[in-house]
Amino acid sequence: MGEFKNTVTSGIISGLGRGITAGSPYEDYVERLDNVIQTDAAISPGNSGGPLLNASGQVIGINTAVSQQGQNIGFAIPSNVLRELLSNYIASGGTILRPYLGVRYSIIDRDTALINKVPAGALVRDIVKGSGADEARIVIGDIITEIDGTAVTQEEDIAKIVASHKVGDTLTVSVFRDTKIQKIQVNLKKASE
């Protein structure tokens, strides 16, 4: 694909703080990317890693993914997120440390919560053995309603909230169990690759 070197495309920022599931249709690899920038600038699958610039020529993100559902829907990781990742990478001696809580969950929206007479949040469906959630004794069936005072919603899901913290941070997790809210301290572990 080297025949179109030094190509520039233009577009607008059409969304901030998006959450997407990215992966390769040819490989068995999928990951969740949160807090990404959505743009309509033409991004091809082969040019991930290029800079996303603002009108002043400042790098505001790194082009990362393309939607397969529509034309000219691309996503970039914000430059401030990359700076934090690189800072952690250098400080850890060359290891990417991503925090995780250790739960698999489904979001309960407000309407579903009202119908079922439970709070909105994230219904814990599974616990990763040895994770922070496991050690803190969060259990299947708990509903996580808040993490460090941030309500768990479709837009502010667990993955997004946890991604704003570091491995080793201790979070206050509010869970609904046995008809009452309990506050549980959870230490974030390193996500396995």
C-alpha atoms as a PDB file:
ATOM      1  CA  MET A   1       0.000   0.000   0.000  1.00  0.00           C
ATOM      2  CA  GLY A   2       2.998   2.293  -0.377  1.00  0.00           C
ATOM      3  CA  GLU A   3       1.821   3.931  -3.597  1.00  0.00           C
ATOM      4  CA  PHE A   4      -0.078   6.749  -1.791  1.00  0.00           C
ATOM      5  CA  LYS A   5       2.617   8.113   0.509  1.00  0.00           C
ATOM      6  CA  ASN A   6       2.257  11.453   2.319  1.00  0.00           C
ATOM      7  CA  THR A   7      -1.527  11.575   1.985  1.00  0.00           C
ATOM      8  CA  VAL A   8      -3.618  14.037   4.002  1.00  0.00           C
ATOM      9  CA  THR A   9      -7.383  13.801   4.490  1.00  0.00           C
ATOM     10  CA  SER A  10      -9.683  16.270   6.205  1.00  0.00           C
ATOM     11  CA  GLY A  11     -12.829  15.954   8.233  1.00  0.00           C
ATOM     12  CA  ILE A  12     -14.569  16.989  11.397  1.00  0.00           C
ATOM     13  CA  ILE A  13     -14.656  15.624  14.915  1.00  0.00           C
ATOM     14  CA  SER A  14     -18.100  14.082  15.075  1.00  0.00           C
ATOM     15  CA  GLY A  15     -17.993  12.699  18.603  1.00  0.00           C
ATOM     16  CA  LEU A  16     -15.954  12.648  21.803  1.00  0.00           C
ATOM     17  CA  GLY A  17     -15.781  10.058  24.570  1.00  0.00           C
ATOM     18  CA  ARG A  18     -17.082   7.242  22.391  1.00  0.00           C
ATOM     19  CA  GLY A  19     -16.769   3.606  23.421  1.00  0.00           C
ATOM     20  CA  ILE A  20     -16.219   1.016  20.701  1.00  0.00           C
ATOM     21  CA  THR A  21     -15.393  -2.639  20.318  1.00  0.00           C
ATOM     22  CA  ALA A  22     -12.472  -2.959  17.919  1.00  0.00           C
ATOM     23  CA  GLY A  23     -10.866  -5.975  16.378  1.00  0.00           C
ATOM     24  CA  SER A  24      -9.811  -7.725  13.226  1.00  0.00           C
ATOM     25  CA  PRO A  25     -12.336  -9.706  11.205  1.00  0.00           C
ATOM     26  CA  TYR A  26      -9.463 -11.942  10.092  1.00  0.00           C
ATOM     27  CA  GLU A  27      -7.983 -12.651  13.509  1.00  0.00           C
ATOM     28  CA  ASP A  28      -9.601 -13.786  16.731  1.00  0.00           C
ATOM     29  CA  TYR A  29      -8.829 -10.506  18.502  1.00  0.00           C
ATOM     30  CA  VAL A  30     -11.293  -8.017  19.959  1.00  0.00           C
ATOM     31  CA  GLU A  31     -10.810  -5.292  22.545  1.00  0.00           C
ATOM     32  CA  ARG A  32     -12.861  -2.530  24.093  1.00  0.00           C
ATOM     33  CA  LEU A  33     -11.683   1.044  23.465  1.00  0.00           C
ATOM     34  CA  ASP A  34     -13.255   3.757  25.575  1.00  0.00           C
ATOM     35  CA  ASN A  35     -13.077   7.540  25.449  1.00  0.00           C
ATOM     36  CA  VAL A  36     -12.065   7.637  21.772  1.00  0.00           C
ATOM     37  CA  ILE A  37     -12.523  10.490  19.288  1.00  0.00           C
ATOM     38  CA  GLN A  38     -14.895   9.886  16.372  1.00  0.00           C
ATOM     39  CA  THR A  39     -14.039  11.579  13.071  1.00  0.00           C
ATOM     40  CA  ASP A  40     -15.381  11.536   9.533  1.00  0.00           C
ATOM     41  CA  ALA A  41     -11.907  12.006   8.035  1.00  0.00           C
ATOM     42  CA  ALA A  42     -11.142   9.139   5.662  1.00  0.00           C
ATOM     43  CA  ILE A  43      -9.120   6.543   7.575  1.00  0.00           C
ATOM     44  CA  SER A  44      -8.262   3.288   5.852  1.00  0.00           C
ATOM     45  CA  PRO A  45      -7.657   0.060   7.774  1.00  0.00           C
ATOM     46  CA  GLY A  46      -3.988   0.180   6.741  1.00  0.00           C
ATOM     47  CA  ASN A  47      -3.174   3.636   8.077  1.00  0.00           C
ATOM     48  CA  SER A  48      -3.804   3.183  11.782  1.00  0.00           C
ATOM     49  CA  GLY A  49      -1.168   4.921  13.846  1.00  0.00           C
ATOM     50  CA  GLY A  50      -1.188   8.169  11.910  1.00  0.00           C
ATOM     51  CA  PRO A  51      -1.783  11.449  13.740  1.00  0.00           C
ATOM     52  CA  LEU A  52      -5.156  13.167  13.991  1.00  0.00           C
ATOM     53  CA  LEU A  53      -4.460  16.910  13.859  1.00  0.00           C
ATOM     54  CA  ASN A  54      -6.562  19.918  14.779  1.00  0.00           C
ATOM     55  CA  ALA A  55      -6.768  23.065  12.615  1.00  0.00           C
ATOM     56  CA  SER A  56      -3.650  24.436  14.354  1.00  0.00           C
ATOM     57  CA  GLY A  57      -1.603  21.386  13.397  1.00  0.00           C
ATOM     58  CA  GLN A  58      -1.479  19.984  16.939  1.00  0.00           C
ATOM     59  CA  VAL A  59      -1.680  16.209  17.382  1.00  0.00           C
ATOM     60  CA  ILE A  60      -4.928  15.520  19.240  1.00  0.00           C
ATOM     61  CA  GLY A  61      -5.056  11.776  18.692  1.00  0.00           C
ATOM     62  CA  ILE A  62      -3.709   8.706  16.956  1.00  0.00           C
ATOM     63  CA  ASN A  63      -5.932   7.093  14.325  1.00  0.00           C
ATOM     64  CA  THR A  64      -6.765   3.635  15.571  1.00  0.00           C
ATOM     65  CA  ALA A  65      -9.895   2.042  14.145  1.00  0.00           C
ATOM     66  CA  VAL A  66     -12.424   2.270  11.327  1.00  0.00           C
ATOM     67  CA  SER A  67     -16.107   1.377  11.454  1.00  0.00           C
ATOM     68  CA  GLN A  68     -17.032  -1.443   9.107  1.00  0.00           C
ATOM     69  CA  GLN A  69     -20.698  -0.335   9.208  1.00  0.00           C
ATOM     70  CA  GLY A  70     -20.319   3.033   7.496  1.00  0.00           C
ATOM     71  CA  GLN A  71     -18.068   5.092   5.288  1.00  0.00           C
ATOM     72  CA  ASN A  72     -15.707   7.634   6.816  1.00  0.00           C
ATOM     73  CA  ILE A  73     -16.340   6.742  10.433  1.00  0.00           C
ATOM     74  CA  GLY A  74     -12.962   6.540  12.115  1.00  0.00           C
ATOM     75  CA  PHE A  75     -11.759   6.548  15.693  1.00  0.00           C
ATOM     76  CA  ALA A  76      -8.637   7.929  17.334  1.00  0.00           C
ATOM     77  CA  ILE A  77      -7.157   7.516  20.793  1.00  0.00           C
ATOM     78  CA  PRO A  78      -6.842  11.003  22.367  1.00  0.00           C
ATOM     79  CA  SER A  79      -3.274  12.274  22.752  1.00  0.00           C
ATOM     80  CA  ASN A  80      -3.697  12.869  26.512  1.00  0.00           C
ATOM     81  CA  VAL A  81      -4.572   9.172  26.968  1.00  0.00           C
ATOM     82  CA  LEU A  82      -1.496   8.182  24.960  1.00  0.00           C
ATOM     83  CA  ARG A  83       0.734  10.469  27.033  1.00  0.00           C
ATOM     84  CA  GLU A  84      -0.517   8.762  30.206  1.00  0.00           C
ATOM     85  CA  LEU A  85       0.045   5.296  28.713  1.00  0.00           C
ATOM     86  CA  LEU A  86       3.557   6.204  27.593  1.00  0.00           C
ATOM     87  CA  SER A  87       4.359   7.703  30.987  1.00  0.00           C
ATOM     88  CA  ASN A  88       3.220   4.470  32.683  1.00  0.00           C
ATOM     89  CA  TYR A  89       5.117   2.394  30.121  1.00  0.00           C
ATOM     90  CA  ILE A  90       8.382   4.241  30.784  1.00  0.00           C
ATOM     91  CA  ALA A  91       7.887   4.236  34.576  1.00  0.00           C
ATOM     92  CA  SER A  92       7.225   0.473  34.586  1.00  0.00           C
ATOM     93  CA  GLY A  93      10.369  -0.350  32.639  1.00  0.00           C
ATOM     94  CA  GLY A  94       8.630  -1.111  29.378  1.00  0.00           C
ATOM     95  CA  THR A  95       5.428  -2.858  30.431  1.00  0.00           C
ATOM     96  CA  ILE A  96       1.910  -1.678  29.622  1.00  0.00           C
ATOM     97  CA  LEU A  97      -0.054  -1.794  32.872  1.00  0.00           C
ATOM     98  CA  ARG A  98      -3.810  -1.623  32.379  1.00  0.00           C
ATOM     99  CA  PRO A  99      -5.998  -1.819  35.471  1.00  0.00           C
ATOM    100  CA  TYR A 100      -9.054  -4.014  35.694  1.00  0.00           C
ATOM    101  CA  LEU A 101     -11.684  -4.773  38.296  1.00  0.00           C
ATOM    102  CA  GLY A 102     -12.189  -8.420  37.371  1.00  0.00           C
ATOM    103  CA  VAL A 103     -15.914  -8.636  36.671  1.00  0.00           C
ATOM    104  CA  ARG A 104     -17.967  -9.529  33.625  1.00  0.00           C
ATOM    105  CA  TYR A 105     -21.210  -7.604  33.636  1.00  0.00           C
ATOM    106  CA  SER A 106     -24.340  -6.427  31.853  1.00  0.00           C
ATOM    107  CA  ILE A 107     -25.620  -2.880  32.188  1.00  0.00           C
ATOM    108  CA  ILE A 108     -29.046  -2.430  33.794  1.00  0.00           C
ATOM    109  CA  ASP A 109     -30.583   0.765  32.415  1.00  0.00           C
ATOM    110  CA  ARG A 110     -33.097   2.918  34.307  1.00  0.00           C
ATOM    111  CA  ASP A 111     -36.164   1.412  32.644  1.00  0.00           C
ATOM    112  CA  THR A 112     -35.071  -2.166  33.352  1.00  0.00           C
ATOM    113  CA  ALA A 113     -34.187  -1.173  36.911  1.00  0.00           C
ATOM    114  CA  LEU A 114     -37.652   0.342  37.488  1.00  0.00           C
ATOM    115  CA  ILE A 115     -39.441  -2.701  36.085  1.00  0.00           C
ATOM    116  CA  ASN A 116     -37.393  -5.093  38.250  1.00  0.00           C
ATOM    117  CA  LYS A 117     -37.316  -2.832  41.337  1.00  0.00           C
ATOM    118  CA  VAL A 118     -33.510  -2.793  41.520  1.00  0.00           C
ATOM    119  CA  PRO A 119     -31.047   0.069  41.081  1.00  0.00           C
ATOM    120  CA  ALA A 120     -29.508   0.886  37.714  1.00  0.00           C
ATOM    121  CA  GLY A 121     -25.885  -0.133  37.286  1.00  0.00           C
ATOM    122  CA  ALA A 122     -23.917  -3.201  36.219  1.00  0.00           C
ATOM    123  CA  LEU A 123     -25.170  -6.698  37.027  1.00  0.00           C
ATOM    124  CA  VAL A 124     -22.164  -8.891  37.861  1.00  0.00           C
ATOM    125  CA  ARG A 125     -22.361 -12.038  35.712  1.00  0.00           C
ATOM    126  CA  ASP A 126     -18.939 -13.517  36.455  1.00  0.00           C
ATOM    127  CA  ILE A 127     -15.866 -12.872  38.611  1.00  0.00           C
ATOM    128  CA  VAL A 128     -12.286 -13.379  37.427  1.00  0.00           C
ATOM    129  CA  LYS A 129     -10.514 -15.615  39.945  1.00  0.00           C
ATOM    130  CA  GLY A 130      -7.698 -13.791  41.746  1.00  0.00           C
ATOM    131  CA  SER A 131      -8.878 -10.343  40.602  1.00  0.00           C
ATOM    132  CA  GLY A 132      -9.446  -7.345  42.844  1.00  0.00           C
ATOM    133  CA  ALA A 133     -13.202  -7.976  42.722  1.00  0.00           C
ATOM    134  CA  ASP A 134     -12.657 -11.605  43.760  1.00  0.00           C
ATOM    135  CA  GLU A 135     -10.395 -10.639  46.661  1.00  0.00           C
ATOM    136  CA  ALA A 136     -12.893  -7.975  47.791  1.00  0.00           C
ATOM    137  CA  ARG A 137     -15.651 -10.607  47.732  1.00  0.00           C
ATOM    138  CA  ILE A 138     -17.858  -9.049  45.082  1.00  0.00           C
ATOM    139  CA  VAL A 139     -20.182 -11.867  44.007  1.00  0.00           C
ATOM    140  CA  ILE A 140     -22.209 -12.902  40.977  1.00  0.00           C
ATOM    141  CA  GLY A 141     -25.609 -11.212  41.206  1.00  0.00           C
ATOM    142  CA  ASP A 142     -24.303  -8.020  42.821  1.00  0.00           C
ATOM    143  CA  ILE A 143     -25.303  -4.810  41.058  1.00  0.00           C
ATOM    144  CA  ILE A 144     -22.452  -2.293  40.946  1.00  0.00           C
ATOM    145  CA  THR A 145     -24.103   1.123  41.150  1.00  0.00           C
ATOM    146  CA  GLU A 146     -21.112   3.444  41.659  1.00  0.00           C
ATOM    147  CA  ILE A 147     -17.332   3.430  41.540  1.00  0.00           C
ATOM    148  CA  ASP A 148     -15.616   6.192  43.513  1.00  0.00           C
ATOM    149  CA  GLY A 149     -18.802   8.262  43.417  1.00  0.00           C
ATOM    150  CA  THR A 150     -19.351   7.907  39.641  1.00  0.00           C
ATOM    151  CA  ALA A 151     -22.653   6.256  38.730  1.00  0.00           C
ATOM    152  CA  VAL A 152     -22.259   3.187  36.513  1.00  0.00           C
ATOM    153  CA  THR A 153     -24.321   3.707  33.332  1.00  0.00           C
ATOM    154  CA  GLN A 154     -24.245   2.726  29.668  1.00  0.00           C
ATOM    155  CA  GLU A 155     -22.116   5.814  28.967  1.00  0.00           C
ATOM    156  CA  GLU A 156     -19.964   5.550  32.117  1.00  0.00           C
ATOM    157  CA  ASP A 157     -19.520   1.800  32.284  1.00  0.00           C
ATOM    158  CA  ILE A 158     -17.100  -0.078  34.524  1.00  0.00           C
ATOM    159  CA  ALA A 159     -14.401  -0.400  31.849  1.00  0.00           C
ATOM    160  CA  LYS A 160     -14.396   3.353  31.205  1.00  0.00           C
ATOM    161  CA  ILE A 161     -14.304   4.283  34.893  1.00  0.00           C
ATOM    162  CA  VAL A 162     -11.552   1.789  35.724  1.00  0.00           C
ATOM    163  CA  ALA A 163      -9.469   2.875  32.702  1.00  0.00           C
ATOM    164  CA  SER A 164      -9.103   6.329  34.270  1.00  0.00           C
ATOM    165  CA  HIS A 165      -7.224   4.777  37.225  1.00  0.00           C
ATOM    166  CA  LYS A 166      -3.915   2.979  37.714  1.00  0.00           C
ATOM    167  CA  VAL A 167      -2.935  -0.544  38.720  1.00  0.00           C
ATOM    168  CA  GLY A 168      -2.755  -0.583  42.525  1.00  0.00           C
ATOM    169  CA  ASP A 169      -5.386   2.129  43.056  1.00  0.00           C
ATOM    170  CA  THR A 170      -8.047   1.313  45.645  1.00  0.00           C
ATOM    171  CA  LEU A 171     -11.592   2.169  44.566  1.00  0.00           C
ATOM    172  CA  THR A 172     -14.773   2.411  46.605  1.00  0.00           C
ATOM    173  CA  VAL A 173     -17.315   0.228  44.811  1.00  0.00           C
ATOM    174  CA  SER A 174     -20.989   0.539  45.782  1.00  0.00           C
ATOM    175  CA  VAL A 175     -22.886  -2.718  45.285  1.00  0.00           C
ATOM    176  CA  PHE A 176     -26.549  -3.557  45.732  1.00  0.00           C
ATOM    177  CA  ARG A 177     -26.830  -6.920  47.510  1.00  0.00           C
ATOM    178  CA  ASP A 178     -29.627  -8.350  49.643  1.00  0.00           C
ATOM    179  CA  THR A 179     -31.798  -5.223  49.183  1.00  0.00           C
ATOM    180  CA  LYS A 180     -29.168  -2.774  50.445  1.00  0.00           C
ATOM    181  CA  ILE A 181     -26.167  -0.840  49.169  1.00  0.00           C
ATOM    182  CA  GLN A 182     -22.749  -1.843  50.510  1.00  0.00           C
ATOM    183  CA  LYS A 183     -19.475  -0.008  49.956  1.00  0.00           C
ATOM    184  CA  ILE A 184     -16.543  -2.303  49.192  1.00  0.00           C
ATOM    185  CA  GLN A 185     -12.878  -1.345  48.787  1.00  0.00           C
ATOM    186  CA  VAL A 186     -11.332  -2.950  45.694  1.00  0.00           C
ATOM    187  CA  ASN A 187      -7.658  -2.882  44.747  1.00  0.00           C
ATOM    188  CA  LEU A 188      -7.148  -2.727  40.974  1.00  0.00           C
ATOM    189  CA  LYS A 189      -4.971  -5.487  39.536  1.00  0.00           C
ATOM    190  CA  LYS A 190      -3.030  -5.598  36.281  1.00  0.00           C
ATOM    191  CA  ALA A 191      -5.079  -6.822  33.330  1.00  0.00           C
ATOM    192  CA  SER A 192      -3.591  -9.929  31.779  1.00  0.00           C
ATOM    193  CA  GLU A 193      -2.805  -9.687  28.095  1.00  0.00           C
END
